[in-house]
PDB file of N, CA and C in Angstrom:
ATOM      1  N   MET A   1      16.769 155.212 178.692  1.00  0.00           N
ATOM      2  CA  MET A   1      17.266 155.302 180.051  1.00  0.00           C
ATOM      3  C   MET A   1      18.754 154.970 180.096  1.00  0.00           C
ATOM      4  N   ASP A   2      19.161 153.915 179.418  1.00  0.00           N
ATOM      5  CA  ASP A   2      20.579 153.570 179.408  1.00  0.00           C
ATOM      6  C   ASP A   2      21.390 154.608 178.658  1.00  0.00           C
ATOM      7  N   PHE A   3      20.804 155.176 177.611  1.00  0.00           N
ATOM      8  CA  PHE A   3      21.494 156.207 176.851  1.00  0.00           C
ATOM      9  C   PHE A   3      21.709 157.451 177.705  1.00  0.00           C
ATOM     10  N   PHE A   4      20.720 157.799 178.531  1.00  0.00           N
ATOM     11  CA  PHE A   4      20.840 158.950 179.418  1.00  0.00           C
ATOM     12  C   PHE A   4      21.933 158.725 180.455  1.00  0.00           C
ATOM     13  N   LEU A   5      21.984 157.541 181.036  1.00  0.00           N
ATOM     14  CA  LEU A   5      23.043 157.222 182.001  1.00  0.00           C
ATOM     15  C   LEU A   5      24.414 157.225 181.345  1.00  0.00           C
ATOM     16  N   PHE A   6      24.490 156.746 180.120  1.00  0.00           N
ATOM     17  CA  PHE A   6      25.752 156.765 179.388  1.00  0.00           C
ATOM     18  C   PHE A   6      26.204 158.196 179.134  1.00  0.00           C
ATOM     19  N   ASN A   7      25.274 159.082 178.801  1.00  0.00           N
ATOM     20  CA  ASN A   7      25.631 160.487 178.584  1.00  0.00           C
ATOM     21  C   ASN A   7      26.109 161.151 179.869  1.00  0.00           C
ATOM     22  N   ILE A   8      25.470 160.848 180.979  1.00  0.00           N
ATOM     23  CA  ILE A   8      25.915 161.405 182.261  1.00  0.00           C
ATOM     24  C   ILE A   8      27.309 160.902 182.598  1.00  0.00           C
ATOM     25  N   PHE A   9      27.528 159.608 182.410  1.00  0.00           N
ATOM     26  CA  PHE A   9      28.852 159.045 182.660  1.00  0.00           C
ATOM     27  C   PHE A   9      29.887 159.686 181.748  1.00  0.00           C
ATOM     28  N   TRP A  10      29.533 159.924 180.495  1.00  0.00           N
ATOM     29  CA  TRP A  10      30.457 160.528 179.541  1.00  0.00           C
ATOM     30  C   TRP A  10      30.794 161.968 179.931  1.00  0.00           C
ATOM     31  N   VAL A  11      29.828 162.733 180.419  1.00  0.00           N
ATOM     32  CA  VAL A  11      30.078 164.111 180.851  1.00  0.00           C
ATOM     33  C   VAL A  11      31.040 164.128 182.028  1.00  0.00           C
ATOM     34  N   VAL A  12      30.805 163.275 183.007  1.00  0.00           N
ATOM     35  CA  VAL A  12      31.674 163.237 184.186  1.00  0.00           C
ATOM     36  C   VAL A  12      33.075 162.767 183.810  1.00  0.00           C
ATOM     37  N   LEU A  13      33.162 161.730 183.002  1.00  0.00           N
ATOM     38  CA  LEU A  13      34.465 161.197 182.611  1.00  0.00           C
ATOM     39  C   LEU A  13      35.250 162.184 181.753  1.00  0.00           C
ATOM     40  N   SER A  14      34.599 162.825 180.805  1.00  0.00           N
ATOM     41  CA  SER A  14      35.312 163.779 179.954  1.00  0.00           C
ATOM     42  C   SER A  14      35.753 165.011 180.730  1.00  0.00           C
ATOM     43  N   SER A  15      34.970 165.435 181.710  1.00  0.00           N
ATOM     44  CA  SER A  15      35.392 166.581 182.510  1.00  0.00           C
ATOM     45  C   SER A  15      36.553 166.219 183.432  1.00  0.00           C
ATOM     46  N   LEU A  16      36.584 164.996 183.946  1.00  0.00           N
ATOM     47  CA  LEU A  16      37.727 164.581 184.762  1.00  0.00           C
ATOM     48  C   LEU A  16      38.988 164.428 183.919  1.00  0.00           C
ATOM     49  N   ILE A  17      38.843 163.921 182.701  1.00  0.00           N
ATOM     50  CA  ILE A  17      39.994 163.840 181.798  1.00  0.00           C
ATOM     51  C   ILE A  17      40.466 165.241 181.428  1.00  0.00           C
ATOM     52  N   GLY A  18      39.524 166.137 181.165  1.00  0.00           N
ATOM     53  CA  GLY A  18      39.882 167.526 180.883  1.00  0.00           C
ATOM     54  C   GLY A  18      40.569 168.189 182.059  1.00  0.00           C
ATOM     55  N   PHE A  19      40.137 167.856 183.259  1.00  0.00           N
ATOM     56  CA  PHE A  19      40.788 168.411 184.449  1.00  0.00           C
ATOM     57  C   PHE A  19      42.231 167.928 184.555  1.00  0.00           C
ATOM     58  N   CYS A  20      42.469 166.675 184.218  1.00  0.00           N
ATOM     59  CA  CYS A  20      43.834 166.139 184.275  1.00  0.00           C
ATOM     60  C   CYS A  20      44.712 166.711 183.173  1.00  0.00           C
ATOM     61  N   ILE A  21      44.149 166.928 181.999  1.00  0.00           N
ATOM     62  CA  ILE A  21      44.942 167.429 180.876  1.00  0.00           C
ATOM     63  C   ILE A  21      45.169 168.932 180.981  1.00  0.00           C
ATOM     64  N   LEU A  22      44.159 169.687 181.357  1.00  0.00           N
ATOM     65  CA  LEU A  22      44.220 171.146 181.365  1.00  0.00           C
ATOM     66  C   LEU A  22      44.538 171.692 182.745  1.00  0.00           C
ATOM     67  N   ARG A  23      45.432 171.073 183.447  1.00  0.00           N
ATOM     68  CA  ARG A  23      45.704 171.499 184.819  1.00  0.00           C
ATOM     69  C   ARG A  23      46.699 172.645 184.908  1.00  0.00           C
ATOM     70  N   LYS A  24      47.198 173.150 183.778  1.00  0.00           N
ATOM     71  CA  LYS A  24      48.149 174.255 183.828  1.00  0.00           C
ATOM     72  C   LYS A  24      47.466 175.584 184.103  1.00  0.00           C
ATOM     73  N   HIS A  25      46.227 175.719 183.665  1.00  0.00           N
ATOM     74  CA  HIS A  25      45.471 176.946 183.890  1.00  0.00           C
ATOM     75  C   HIS A  25      44.427 176.705 184.972  1.00  0.00           C
ATOM     76  N   ILE A  26      44.363 177.627 185.910  1.00  0.00           N
ATOM     77  CA  ILE A  26      43.406 177.481 187.004  1.00  0.00           C
ATOM     78  C   ILE A  26      41.979 177.645 186.493  1.00  0.00           C
ATOM     79  N   LEU A  27      41.761 178.578 185.564  1.00  0.00           N
ATOM     80  CA  LEU A  27      40.413 178.818 185.061  1.00  0.00           C
ATOM     81  C   LEU A  27      39.869 177.605 184.314  1.00  0.00           C
ATOM     82  N   LEU A  28      40.687 176.969 183.498  1.00  0.00           N
ATOM     83  CA  LEU A  28      40.236 175.775 182.779  1.00  0.00           C
ATOM     84  C   LEU A  28      39.990 174.610 183.733  1.00  0.00           C
ATOM     85  N   ALA A  29      40.783 174.529 184.790  1.00  0.00           N
ATOM     86  CA  ALA A  29      40.552 173.486 185.791  1.00  0.00           C
ATOM     87  C   ALA A  29      39.226 173.721 186.515  1.00  0.00           C
ATOM     88  N   LEU A  30      38.924 174.977 186.820  1.00  0.00           N
ATOM     89  CA  LEU A  30      37.650 175.282 187.473  1.00  0.00           C
ATOM     90  C   LEU A  30      36.465 174.987 186.556  1.00  0.00           C
ATOM     91  N   LEU A  31      36.605 175.288 185.271  1.00  0.00           N
ATOM     92  CA  LEU A  31      35.530 174.972 184.326  1.00  0.00           C
ATOM     93  C   LEU A  31      35.322 173.466 184.200  1.00  0.00           C
ATOM     94  N   SER A  32      36.404 172.715 184.232  1.00  0.00           N
ATOM     95  CA  SER A  32      36.276 171.256 184.178  1.00  0.00           C
ATOM     96  C   SER A  32      35.588 170.720 185.429  1.00  0.00           C
ATOM     97  N   LEU A  33      35.921 171.283 186.576  1.00  0.00           N
ATOM     98  CA  LEU A  33      35.252 170.854 187.806  1.00  0.00           C
ATOM     99  C   LEU A  33      33.767 171.213 187.798  1.00  0.00           C
ATOM    100  N   GLU A  34      33.430 172.365 187.228  1.00  0.00           N
ATOM    101  CA  GLU A  34      32.020 172.750 187.159  1.00  0.00           C
ATOM    102  C   GLU A  34      31.239 171.834 186.224  1.00  0.00           C
ATOM    103  N   SER A  35      31.846 171.426 185.121  1.00  0.00           N
ATOM    104  CA  SER A  35      31.141 170.494 184.236  1.00  0.00           C
ATOM    105  C   SER A  35      31.003 169.117 184.894  1.00  0.00           C
ATOM    106  N   CYS A  36      31.978 168.729 185.692  1.00  0.00           N
ATOM    107  CA  CYS A  36      31.860 167.480 186.450  1.00  0.00           C
ATOM    108  C   CYS A  36      30.728 167.589 187.468  1.00  0.00           C
ATOM    109  N   ASN A  37      30.625 168.733 188.116  1.00  0.00           N
ATOM    110  CA  ASN A  37      29.531 168.943 189.062  1.00  0.00           C
ATOM    111  C   ASN A  37      28.178 168.929 188.361  1.00  0.00           C
ATOM    112  N   LEU A  38      28.120 169.453 187.148  1.00  0.00           N
ATOM    113  CA  LEU A  38      26.871 169.414 186.391  1.00  0.00           C
ATOM    114  C   LEU A  38      26.466 167.977 186.076  1.00  0.00           C
ATOM    115  N   GLY A  39      27.431 167.159 185.680  1.00  0.00           N
ATOM    116  CA  GLY A  39      27.132 165.752 185.427  1.00  0.00           C
ATOM    117  C   GLY A  39      26.693 165.022 186.680  1.00  0.00           C
ATOM    118  N   LEU A  40      27.348 165.310 187.794  1.00  0.00           N
ATOM    119  CA  LEU A  40      26.943 164.685 189.056  1.00  0.00           C
ATOM    120  C   LEU A  40      25.562 165.154 189.497  1.00  0.00           C
ATOM    121  N   PHE A  41      25.251 166.416 189.225  1.00  0.00           N
ATOM    122  CA  PHE A  41      23.923 166.931 189.548  1.00  0.00           C
ATOM    123  C   PHE A  41      22.852 166.217 188.725  1.00  0.00           C
ATOM    124  N   LEU A  42      23.128 166.001 187.449  1.00  0.00           N
ATOM    125  CA  LEU A  42      22.177 165.259 186.618  1.00  0.00           C
ATOM    126  C   LEU A  42      22.022 163.822 187.100  1.00  0.00           C
ATOM    127  N   ALA A  43      23.120 163.221 187.547  1.00  0.00           N
ATOM    128  CA  ALA A  43      23.041 161.859 188.074  1.00  0.00           C
ATOM    129  C   ALA A  43      22.222 161.814 189.360  1.00  0.00           C
ATOM    130  N   ILE A  44      22.383 162.814 190.210  1.00  0.00           N
ATOM    131  CA  ILE A  44      21.603 162.868 191.450  1.00  0.00           C
ATOM    132  C   ILE A  44      20.122 163.046 191.136  1.00  0.00           C
ATOM    133  N   ILE A  45      19.810 163.917 190.193  1.00  0.00           N
ATOM    134  CA  ILE A  45      18.409 164.109 189.805  1.00  0.00           C
ATOM    135  C   ILE A  45      17.829 162.811 189.254  1.00  0.00           C
ATOM    136  N   PHE A  46      18.588 162.151 188.401  1.00  0.00           N
ATOM    137  CA  PHE A  46      18.117 160.904 187.795  1.00  0.00           C
ATOM    138  C   PHE A  46      17.903 159.830 188.852  1.00  0.00           C
ATOM    139  N   TYR A  47      18.833 159.700 189.776  1.00  0.00           N
ATOM    140  CA  TYR A  47      18.731 158.674 190.813  1.00  0.00           C
ATOM    141  C   TYR A  47      17.582 158.963 191.771  1.00  0.00           C
ATOM    142  N   LEU A  48      17.494 160.192 192.242  1.00  0.00           N
ATOM    143  CA  LEU A  48      16.476 160.509 193.237  1.00  0.00           C
ATOM    144  C   LEU A  48      15.077 160.566 192.647  1.00  0.00           C
ATOM    145  N   SER A  49      14.966 160.834 191.356  1.00  0.00           N
ATOM    146  CA  SER A  49      13.626 160.865 190.772  1.00  0.00           C
ATOM    147  C   SER A  49      13.012 159.469 190.687  1.00  0.00           C
ATOM    148  N   PHE A  50      13.852 158.442 190.622  1.00  0.00           N
ATOM    149  CA  PHE A  50      13.319 157.084 190.560  1.00  0.00           C
ATOM    150  C   PHE A  50      13.134 156.454 191.933  1.00  0.00           C
ATOM    151  N   TYR A  51      13.955 156.829 192.896  1.00  0.00           N
ATOM    152  CA  TYR A  51      13.929 156.132 194.174  1.00  0.00           C
ATOM    153  C   TYR A  51      13.345 156.951 195.320  1.00  0.00           C
ATOM    154  N   TYR A  52      13.554 158.246 195.313  1.00  0.00           N
ATOM    155  CA  TYR A  52      13.072 159.088 196.406  1.00  0.00           C
ATOM    156  C   TYR A  52      12.311 160.270 195.828  1.00  0.00           C
ATOM    157  N   SER A  53      11.540 160.893 196.665  1.00  0.00           N
ATOM    158  CA  SER A  53      10.794 162.055 196.193  1.00  0.00           C
ATOM    159  C   SER A  53      11.240 163.348 196.872  1.00  0.00           C
ATOM    160  N   GLU A  54      12.277 163.295 197.690  1.00  0.00           N
ATOM    161  CA  GLU A  54      12.742 164.502 198.351  1.00  0.00           C
ATOM    162  C   GLU A  54      13.521 165.355 197.358  1.00  0.00           C
ATOM    163  N   SER A  55      13.271 166.635 197.405  1.00  0.00           N
ATOM    164  CA  SER A  55      13.975 167.524 196.485  1.00  0.00           C
ATOM    165  C   SER A  55      14.969 168.425 197.206  1.00  0.00           C
ATOM    166  N   TYR A  56      15.078 168.329 198.506  1.00  0.00           N
ATOM    167  CA  TYR A  56      16.007 169.190 199.217  1.00  0.00           C
ATOM    168  C   TYR A  56      17.458 168.784 198.977  1.00  0.00           C
ATOM    169  N   LEU A  57      17.709 167.534 198.604  1.00  0.00           N
ATOM    170  CA  LEU A  57      19.074 167.110 198.307  1.00  0.00           C
ATOM    171  C   LEU A  57      19.624 167.821 197.086  1.00  0.00           C
ATOM    172  N   TYR A  58      18.766 168.146 196.125  1.00  0.00           N
ATOM    173  CA  TYR A  58      19.198 168.923 194.969  1.00  0.00           C
ATOM    174  C   TYR A  58      19.753 170.267 195.419  1.00  0.00           C
ATOM    175  N   LEU A  59      19.010 170.909 196.297  1.00  0.00           N
ATOM    176  CA  LEU A  59      19.411 172.234 196.753  1.00  0.00           C
ATOM    177  C   LEU A  59      20.688 172.192 197.577  1.00  0.00           C
ATOM    178  N   VAL A  60      20.846 171.187 198.403  1.00  0.00           N
ATOM    179  CA  VAL A  60      22.068 171.061 199.203  1.00  0.00           C
ATOM    180  C   VAL A  60      23.272 170.870 198.297  1.00  0.00           C
ATOM    181  N   PHE A  61      23.137 170.024 197.289  1.00  0.00           N
ATOM    182  CA  PHE A  61      24.239 169.814 196.351  1.00  0.00           C
ATOM    183  C   PHE A  61      24.546 171.092 195.582  1.00  0.00           C
ATOM    184  N   LEU A  62      23.519 171.798 195.137  1.00  0.00           N
ATOM    185  CA  LEU A  62      23.751 173.042 194.407  1.00  0.00           C
ATOM    186  C   LEU A  62      24.394 174.105 195.281  1.00  0.00           C
ATOM    187  N   ILE A  63      24.060 174.141 196.556  1.00  0.00           N
ATOM    188  CA  ILE A  63      24.694 175.096 197.469  1.00  0.00           C
ATOM    189  C   ILE A  63      26.180 174.802 197.593  1.00  0.00           C
ATOM    190  N   PHE A  64      26.540 173.530 197.723  1.00  0.00           N
ATOM    191  CA  PHE A  64      27.957 173.174 197.792  1.00  0.00           C
ATOM    192  C   PHE A  64      28.682 173.486 196.489  1.00  0.00           C
ATOM    193  N   VAL A  65      28.029 173.267 195.364  1.00  0.00           N
ATOM    194  CA  VAL A  65      28.649 173.559 194.067  1.00  0.00           C
ATOM    195  C   VAL A  65      28.872 175.058 193.905  1.00  0.00           C
ATOM    196  N   VAL A  66      27.906 175.853 194.305  1.00  0.00           N
ATOM    197  CA  VAL A  66      28.049 177.304 194.198  1.00  0.00           C
ATOM    198  C   VAL A  66      29.150 177.802 195.125  1.00  0.00           C
ATOM    199  N   CYS A  67      29.211 177.284 196.333  1.00  0.00           N
ATOM    200  CA  CYS A  67      30.275 177.685 197.262  1.00  0.00           C
ATOM    201  C   CYS A  67      31.646 177.299 196.732  1.00  0.00           C
ATOM    202  N   GLU A  68      31.754 176.133 196.117  1.00  0.00           N
ATOM    203  CA  GLU A  68      33.027 175.707 195.523  1.00  0.00           C
ATOM    204  C   GLU A  68      33.417 176.612 194.372  1.00  0.00           C
ATOM    205  N   GLY A  69      32.451 176.993 193.552  1.00  0.00           N
ATOM    206  CA  GLY A  69      32.733 177.881 192.430  1.00  0.00           C
ATOM    207  C   GLY A  69      33.147 179.270 192.876  1.00  0.00           C
ATOM    208  N   VAL A  70      32.468 179.800 193.872  1.00  0.00           N
ATOM    209  CA  VAL A  70      32.810 181.128 194.382  1.00  0.00           C
ATOM    210  C   VAL A  70      34.189 181.125 195.022  1.00  0.00           C
ATOM    211  N   LEU A  71      34.494 180.116 195.789  1.00  0.00           N
ATOM    212  CA  LEU A  71      35.811 180.023 196.415  1.00  0.00           C
ATOM    213  C   LEU A  71      36.908 179.898 195.366  1.00  0.00           C
ATOM    214  N   GLY A  72      36.674 179.093 194.333  1.00  0.00           N
ATOM    215  CA  GLY A  72      37.657 178.950 193.267  1.00  0.00           C
ATOM    216  C   GLY A  72      37.874 180.241 192.507  1.00  0.00           C
ATOM    217  N   LEU A  73      36.798 180.971 192.213  1.00  0.00           N
ATOM    218  CA  LEU A  73      36.953 182.236 191.501  1.00  0.00           C
ATOM    219  C   LEU A  73      37.621 183.297 192.362  1.00  0.00           C
ATOM    220  N   CYS A  74      37.351 183.291 193.664  1.00  0.00           N
ATOM    221  CA  CYS A  74      38.040 184.234 194.559  1.00  0.00           C
ATOM    222  C   CYS A  74      39.536 183.950 194.597  1.00  0.00           C
ATOM    223  N   LEU A  75      39.906 182.692 194.665  1.00  0.00           N
ATOM    224  CA  LEU A  75      41.327 182.344 194.627  1.00  0.00           C
ATOM    225  C   LEU A  75      41.951 182.704 193.288  1.00  0.00           C
ATOM    226  N   LEU A  76      41.214 182.520 192.211  1.00  0.00           N
ATOM    227  CA  LEU A  76      41.718 182.873 190.885  1.00  0.00           C
ATOM    228  C   LEU A  76      41.949 184.370 190.762  1.00  0.00           C
ATOM    229  N   VAL A  77      41.006 185.179 191.224  1.00  0.00           N
ATOM    230  CA  VAL A  77      41.154 186.631 191.144  1.00  0.00           C
ATOM    231  C   VAL A  77      42.309 187.108 191.999  1.00  0.00           C
ATOM    232  N   SER A  78      42.431 186.590 193.206  1.00  0.00           N
ATOM    233  CA  SER A  78      43.537 187.018 194.066  1.00  0.00           C
ATOM    234  C   SER A  78      44.880 186.568 193.508  1.00  0.00           C
ATOM    235  N   PHE A  79      44.923 185.399 192.910  1.00  0.00           N
ATOM    236  CA  PHE A  79      46.168 184.920 192.317  1.00  0.00           C
ATOM    237  C   PHE A  79      46.533 185.733 191.083  1.00  0.00           C
ATOM    238  N   MET A  80      45.544 186.094 190.271  1.00  0.00           N
ATOM    239  CA  MET A  80      45.829 186.882 189.077  1.00  0.00           C
ATOM    240  C   MET A  80      46.226 188.307 189.422  1.00  0.00           C
ATOM    241  N   ARG A  81      45.706 188.856 190.497  1.00  0.00           N
ATOM    242  CA  ARG A  81      46.133 190.194 190.912  1.00  0.00           C
ATOM    243  C   ARG A  81      47.573 190.184 191.401  1.00  0.00           C
ATOM    244  N   GLY A  82      47.959 189.114 192.040  1.00  0.00           N
ATOM    245  CA  GLY A  82      49.317 189.034 192.565  1.00  0.00           C
ATOM    246  C   GLY A  82      50.351 188.643 191.534  1.00  0.00           C
ATOM    247  N   ARG A  83      50.019 187.739 190.622  1.00  0.00           N
ATOM    248  CA  ARG A  83      50.987 187.200 189.662  1.00  0.00           C
ATOM    249  C   ARG A  83      50.793 187.702 188.243  1.00  0.00           C
ATOM    250  N   GLY A  84      49.588 188.030 187.855  1.00  0.00           N
ATOM    251  CA  GLY A  84      49.344 188.522 186.514  1.00  0.00           C
ATOM    252  C   GLY A  84      48.927 187.459 185.521  1.00  0.00           C
ATOM    253  N   ASN A  85      48.939 186.201 185.883  1.00  0.00           N
ATOM    254  CA  ASN A  85      48.466 185.130 185.002  1.00  0.00           C
ATOM    255  C   ASN A  85      47.836 184.037 185.856  1.00  0.00           C
ATOM    256  N   ASP A  86      47.279 183.050 185.175  1.00  0.00           N
ATOM    257  CA  ASP A  86      46.599 181.982 185.910  1.00  0.00           C
ATOM    258  C   ASP A  86      47.286 180.636 185.738  1.00  0.00           C
ATOM    259  N   TYR A  87      48.570 180.658 185.502  1.00  0.00           N
ATOM    260  CA  TYR A  87      49.310 179.402 185.361  1.00  0.00           C
ATOM    261  C   TYR A  87      49.557 178.773 186.729  1.00  0.00           C
ATOM    262  N   VAL A  88      49.429 177.472 186.797  1.00  0.00           N
ATOM    263  CA  VAL A  88      49.586 176.767 188.065  1.00  0.00           C
ATOM    264  C   VAL A  88      51.044 176.704 188.480  1.00  0.00           C
ATOM    265  N   TYR A  89      51.966 176.718 187.510  1.00  0.00           N
ATOM    266  CA  TYR A  89      53.373 176.608 187.887  1.00  0.00           C
ATOM    267  C   TYR A  89      53.824 177.811 188.698  1.00  0.00           C
ATOM    268  N   GLY A  90      53.083 178.889 188.658  1.00  0.00           N
ATOM    269  CA  GLY A  90      53.390 180.038 189.500  1.00  0.00           C
ATOM    270  C   GLY A  90      53.065 179.798 190.960  1.00  0.00           C
ATOM    271  N   LEU A  91      52.242 178.797 191.241  1.00  0.00           N
ATOM    272  CA  LEU A  91      51.912 178.475 192.628  1.00  0.00           C
ATOM    273  C   LEU A  91      53.102 177.897 193.373  1.00  0.00           C
ATOM    274  N   GLU A  92      54.015 177.269 192.653  1.00  0.00           N
ATOM    275  CA  GLU A  92      55.186 176.689 193.299  1.00  0.00           C
ATOM    276  C   GLU A  92      56.114 177.770 193.839  1.00  0.00           C
ATOM    277  N   MET A  93      56.051 178.953 193.268  1.00  0.00           N
ATOM    278  CA  MET A  93      56.882 180.056 193.746  1.00  0.00           C
ATOM    279  C   MET A  93      56.385 180.611 195.071  1.00  0.00           C
ATOM    280  N   LEU A  94      55.120 180.379 195.388  1.00  0.00           N
ATOM    281  CA  LEU A  94      54.556 180.915 196.618  1.00  0.00           C
ATOM    282  C   LEU A  94      55.080 180.205 197.857  1.00  0.00           C
ATOM    283  N   CYS A  95      55.485 178.957 197.725  1.00  0.00           N
ATOM    284  CA  CYS A  95      55.940 178.177 198.878  1.00  0.00           C
ATOM    285  C   CYS A  95      57.347 178.553 199.292  1.00  0.00           C
TER     286      CYS A  95
END
């Protein structure tokens, strides 16, 4: 049980560190956020399986994660069509 919690913590922490390090590319930042969401989803499953029996919270969290992913990919596609690359430093030119 402690090993499982440690692995969940490690997934979330490594994805947040990856998000901070790989922030130059939008696609890599989105992948890091998705892995963080996966770790949080596992933590929610682990927590709710011991304390509560409702399963609708899983679905609500997954709906928010899917909406975040779709919105991020839509912004990535529109940005790549306009600029030709996915570098974040190109966002400063838009302002």
